Amino acid sequence: MLKVNNVTVRALVDAGCEQSVFLESLCKLIGLRPGGPAGIVSMLNGERAICSGTMIADVGIEGKSVQVAGLVAPGLVRDAKMIF
């Protein structure tokens, strides 16, 4: 679990991840809209997701907080709200 803009969410922490990805419904929950270009991301399980753009959010884990830019996808693997 980690916090995205002070909302606790289930996240998949992937040390080999090249791009962070936020779940579209999480963006709506925290009141952020994706911007920037749309794109496609390949998920851990081999599925591809069409992303509606990008967003930047404050992400906190173990008492530390950083700003993270990520793609915005309609669905993620393992019921995660974010891949970080």
N, C-alpha and C. Protein backbone atom coordinates (compact mmCIF):
# COMPACT_ATOMS: atom_id res chain seq x y z
N MET A 1 0.84 -1.17 0.00
CA MET A 1 0.00 0.00 0.00
C MET A 1 0.89 1.24 0.00
N LEU A 2 0.44 2.24 -0.71
CA LEU A 2 1.11 3.52 -0.68
C LEU A 2 0.07 4.61 -0.81
N LYS A 3 0.50 5.85 -0.70
CA LYS A 3 -0.44 6.97 -0.79
C LYS A 3 -0.20 7.74 -2.07
N VAL A 4 -1.28 8.05 -2.77
CA VAL A 4 -1.23 8.89 -3.96
C VAL A 4 -2.09 10.11 -3.65
N ASN A 5 -1.45 11.28 -3.59
CA ASN A 5 -2.14 12.51 -3.18
C ASN A 5 -2.94 12.28 -1.89
N ASN A 6 -2.31 11.61 -0.93
CA ASN A 6 -2.86 11.32 0.40
C ASN A 6 -4.02 10.32 0.42
N VAL A 7 -4.24 9.59 -0.67
CA VAL A 7 -5.24 8.53 -0.71
C VAL A 7 -4.49 7.20 -0.70
N THR A 8 -4.78 6.34 0.28
CA THR A 8 -4.11 5.04 0.37
C THR A 8 -4.64 4.11 -0.71
N VAL A 9 -3.72 3.52 -1.49
CA VAL A 9 -4.11 2.65 -2.59
C VAL A 9 -3.23 1.40 -2.63
N ARG A 10 -3.75 0.37 -3.26
CA ARG A 10 -2.98 -0.85 -3.50
C ARG A 10 -2.15 -0.61 -4.75
N ALA A 11 -0.85 -0.86 -4.65
CA ALA A 11 0.04 -0.60 -5.78
C ALA A 11 0.97 -1.78 -5.99
N LEU A 12 1.41 -1.94 -7.19
CA LEU A 12 2.41 -2.95 -7.54
C LEU A 12 3.74 -2.21 -7.66
N VAL A 13 4.66 -2.49 -6.76
CA VAL A 13 5.99 -1.87 -6.82
C VAL A 13 6.87 -2.80 -7.65
N ASP A 14 7.29 -2.32 -8.80
CA ASP A 14 8.05 -3.11 -9.76
C ASP A 14 9.38 -2.42 -10.02
N ALA A 15 10.45 -2.95 -9.45
CA ALA A 15 11.77 -2.32 -9.58
C ALA A 15 12.25 -2.26 -11.03
N GLY A 16 11.72 -3.10 -11.89
CA GLY A 16 12.13 -3.09 -13.29
C GLY A 16 11.23 -2.27 -14.19
N CYS A 17 10.27 -1.61 -13.60
CA CYS A 17 9.30 -0.83 -14.35
C CYS A 17 9.98 0.38 -15.01
N GLU A 18 9.78 0.55 -16.31
CA GLU A 18 10.34 1.69 -17.02
C GLU A 18 9.44 2.91 -16.93
N GLN A 19 8.16 2.71 -16.70
CA GLN A 19 7.18 3.79 -16.68
C GLN A 19 6.14 3.53 -15.61
N SER A 20 5.91 4.48 -14.73
CA SER A 20 4.84 4.34 -13.74
C SER A 20 3.51 4.47 -14.46
N VAL A 21 2.50 3.77 -13.93
CA VAL A 21 1.17 3.79 -14.55
C VAL A 21 0.11 3.95 -13.46
N PHE A 22 -0.81 4.89 -13.66
CA PHE A 22 -1.92 5.12 -12.74
C PHE A 22 -3.20 4.56 -13.35
N LEU A 23 -4.06 4.03 -12.54
CA LEU A 23 -5.37 3.56 -12.99
C LEU A 23 -6.27 4.77 -13.22
N GLU A 24 -7.00 4.74 -14.32
CA GLU A 24 -7.88 5.86 -14.69
C GLU A 24 -8.85 6.23 -13.56
N SER A 25 -9.44 5.22 -12.93
CA SER A 25 -10.41 5.51 -11.85
C SER A 25 -9.74 6.15 -10.64
N LEU A 26 -8.44 5.88 -10.41
CA LEU A 26 -7.71 6.53 -9.33
C LEU A 26 -7.59 8.03 -9.62
N CYS A 27 -7.33 8.37 -10.87
CA CYS A 27 -7.22 9.78 -11.26
C CYS A 27 -8.52 10.51 -10.93
N LYS A 28 -9.64 9.89 -11.26
CA LYS A 28 -10.94 10.50 -10.96
C LYS A 28 -11.14 10.63 -9.45
N LEU A 29 -10.75 9.60 -8.69
CA LEU A 29 -10.89 9.60 -7.23
C LEU A 29 -10.12 10.75 -6.59
N ILE A 30 -8.92 11.02 -7.07
CA ILE A 30 -8.10 12.07 -6.46
C ILE A 30 -8.25 13.41 -7.17
N GLY A 31 -9.13 13.47 -8.15
CA GLY A 31 -9.46 14.74 -8.81
C GLY A 31 -8.46 15.24 -9.82
N LEU A 32 -7.71 14.35 -10.44
CA LEU A 32 -6.75 14.75 -11.47
C LEU A 32 -7.19 14.27 -12.84
N ARG A 33 -6.91 15.05 -13.84
CA ARG A 33 -7.23 14.66 -15.22
C ARG A 33 -5.94 14.37 -15.97
N PRO A 34 -5.95 13.31 -16.77
CA PRO A 34 -4.75 13.04 -17.56
C PRO A 34 -4.57 14.12 -18.62
N GLY A 35 -3.32 14.41 -18.92
CA GLY A 35 -2.99 15.35 -19.99
C GLY A 35 -1.89 14.74 -20.83
N GLY A 36 -1.41 15.47 -21.77
CA GLY A 36 -0.32 14.97 -22.60
C GLY A 36 -0.79 13.92 -23.60
N PRO A 37 0.16 13.36 -24.32
CA PRO A 37 -0.18 12.41 -25.37
C PRO A 37 -0.63 11.05 -24.85
N ALA A 38 -1.52 10.42 -25.60
CA ALA A 38 -1.94 9.05 -25.31
C ALA A 38 -0.81 8.12 -25.73
N GLY A 39 -0.85 6.89 -25.24
CA GLY A 39 0.19 5.94 -25.60
C GLY A 39 -0.24 4.52 -25.28
N ILE A 40 0.65 3.59 -25.50
CA ILE A 40 0.38 2.18 -25.22
C ILE A 40 1.47 1.68 -24.27
N VAL A 41 1.07 0.90 -23.27
CA VAL A 41 2.03 0.33 -22.34
C VAL A 41 1.84 -1.18 -22.30
N SER A 42 2.95 -1.92 -22.23
CA SER A 42 2.90 -3.37 -22.08
C SER A 42 2.98 -3.69 -20.59
N MET A 43 2.02 -4.48 -20.12
CA MET A 43 1.94 -4.84 -18.71
C MET A 43 2.82 -6.04 -18.41
N LEU A 44 3.02 -6.28 -17.13
CA LEU A 44 3.82 -7.38 -16.63
C LEU A 44 3.37 -8.73 -17.19
N ASN A 45 2.05 -8.90 -17.36
CA ASN A 45 1.52 -10.18 -17.84
C ASN A 45 1.47 -10.28 -19.36
N GLY A 46 2.04 -9.30 -20.07
CA GLY A 46 2.08 -9.33 -21.52
C GLY A 46 0.93 -8.59 -22.19
N GLU A 47 -0.10 -8.22 -21.42
CA GLU A 47 -1.22 -7.47 -21.99
C GLU A 47 -0.76 -6.06 -22.32
N ARG A 48 -1.45 -5.45 -23.29
CA ARG A 48 -1.17 -4.06 -23.65
C ARG A 48 -2.37 -3.22 -23.27
N ALA A 49 -2.11 -2.02 -22.81
CA ALA A 49 -3.20 -1.11 -22.44
C ALA A 49 -3.01 0.21 -23.18
N ILE A 50 -4.11 0.74 -23.70
CA ILE A 50 -4.07 2.05 -24.34
C ILE A 50 -4.25 3.09 -23.24
N CYS A 51 -3.29 3.98 -23.12
CA CYS A 51 -3.31 4.99 -22.06
C CYS A 51 -3.88 6.30 -22.60
N SER A 52 -4.65 6.97 -21.74
CA SER A 52 -5.34 8.19 -22.16
C SER A 52 -4.49 9.44 -22.00
N GLY A 53 -3.29 9.31 -21.51
CA GLY A 53 -2.40 10.45 -21.32
C GLY A 53 -1.48 10.22 -20.14
N THR A 54 -1.03 11.31 -19.54
CA THR A 54 -0.13 11.23 -18.40
C THR A 54 -0.64 12.13 -17.27
N MET A 55 -0.10 11.93 -16.08
CA MET A 55 -0.40 12.82 -14.95
C MET A 55 0.76 12.78 -13.98
N ILE A 56 0.79 13.77 -13.09
CA ILE A 56 1.81 13.84 -12.05
C ILE A 56 1.09 13.86 -10.71
N ALA A 57 1.55 13.03 -9.77
CA ALA A 57 0.93 12.97 -8.45
C ALA A 57 2.01 12.82 -7.39
N ASP A 58 1.69 13.21 -6.16
CA ASP A 58 2.57 12.97 -5.02
C ASP A 58 2.35 11.53 -4.56
N VAL A 59 3.43 10.75 -4.51
CA VAL A 59 3.35 9.36 -4.10
C VAL A 59 4.18 9.18 -2.84
N GLY A 60 3.54 8.64 -1.79
CA GLY A 60 4.22 8.43 -0.53
C GLY A 60 4.32 6.97 -0.17
N ILE A 61 5.49 6.57 0.29
CA ILE A 61 5.71 5.20 0.75
C ILE A 61 6.72 5.24 1.90
N GLU A 62 6.38 4.57 2.99
CA GLU A 62 7.24 4.49 4.17
C GLU A 62 7.69 5.87 4.65
N GLY A 63 6.77 6.82 4.68
CA GLY A 63 7.07 8.15 5.22
C GLY A 63 7.78 9.10 4.28
N LYS A 64 8.13 8.66 3.09
CA LYS A 64 8.79 9.51 2.09
C LYS A 64 7.79 9.83 0.98
N SER A 65 7.93 11.01 0.38
CA SER A 65 7.01 11.41 -0.68
C SER A 65 7.80 11.99 -1.85
N VAL A 66 7.41 11.60 -3.06
CA VAL A 66 8.03 12.13 -4.28
C VAL A 66 6.95 12.40 -5.31
N GLN A 67 7.24 13.30 -6.24
CA GLN A 67 6.32 13.51 -7.35
C GLN A 67 6.65 12.48 -8.42
N VAL A 68 5.60 11.82 -8.92
CA VAL A 68 5.78 10.78 -9.92
C VAL A 68 4.93 11.11 -11.15
N ALA A 69 5.56 11.05 -12.31
CA ALA A 69 4.84 11.20 -13.57
C ALA A 69 4.55 9.80 -14.09
N GLY A 70 3.34 9.59 -14.57
CA GLY A 70 3.00 8.27 -15.08
C GLY A 70 1.92 8.32 -16.14
N LEU A 71 1.82 7.24 -16.87
CA LEU A 71 0.75 7.07 -17.85
C LEU A 71 -0.55 6.77 -17.12
N VAL A 72 -1.67 6.98 -17.78
CA VAL A 72 -2.99 6.71 -17.20
C VAL A 72 -3.67 5.64 -18.05
N ALA A 73 -3.95 4.47 -17.42
CA ALA A 73 -4.52 3.32 -18.13
C ALA A 73 -5.89 2.95 -17.57
N PRO A 74 -6.76 2.37 -18.42
CA PRO A 74 -8.10 1.99 -17.98
C PRO A 74 -8.11 0.76 -17.06
N GLY A 75 -7.06 -0.04 -17.07
CA GLY A 75 -7.01 -1.23 -16.23
C GLY A 75 -5.57 -1.64 -15.98
N LEU A 76 -5.30 -2.23 -14.82
CA LEU A 76 -3.96 -2.69 -14.48
C LEU A 76 -4.02 -4.13 -13.98
N VAL A 77 -2.88 -4.78 -13.90
CA VAL A 77 -2.81 -6.17 -13.44
C VAL A 77 -2.95 -6.25 -11.93
N ARG A 78 -3.43 -7.39 -11.45
CA ARG A 78 -3.52 -7.72 -10.02
C ARG A 78 -4.30 -6.70 -9.20
N ASP A 79 -5.32 -6.10 -9.78
CA ASP A 79 -6.17 -5.13 -9.08
C ASP A 79 -5.43 -3.95 -8.50
N ALA A 80 -4.26 -3.66 -9.04
CA ALA A 80 -3.49 -2.50 -8.56
C ALA A 80 -4.11 -1.21 -9.06
N LYS A 81 -3.95 -0.15 -8.29
CA LYS A 81 -4.41 1.17 -8.69
C LYS A 81 -3.26 1.95 -9.32
N MET A 82 -2.04 1.43 -9.10
CA MET A 82 -0.86 2.09 -9.64
C MET A 82 0.27 1.07 -9.75
N ILE A 83 1.11 1.24 -10.77
CA ILE A 83 2.36 0.48 -10.90
C ILE A 83 3.47 1.50 -10.75
N PHE A 84 4.38 1.24 -9.85
CA PHE A 84 5.39 2.23 -9.48
C PHE A 84 6.75 1.59 -9.48
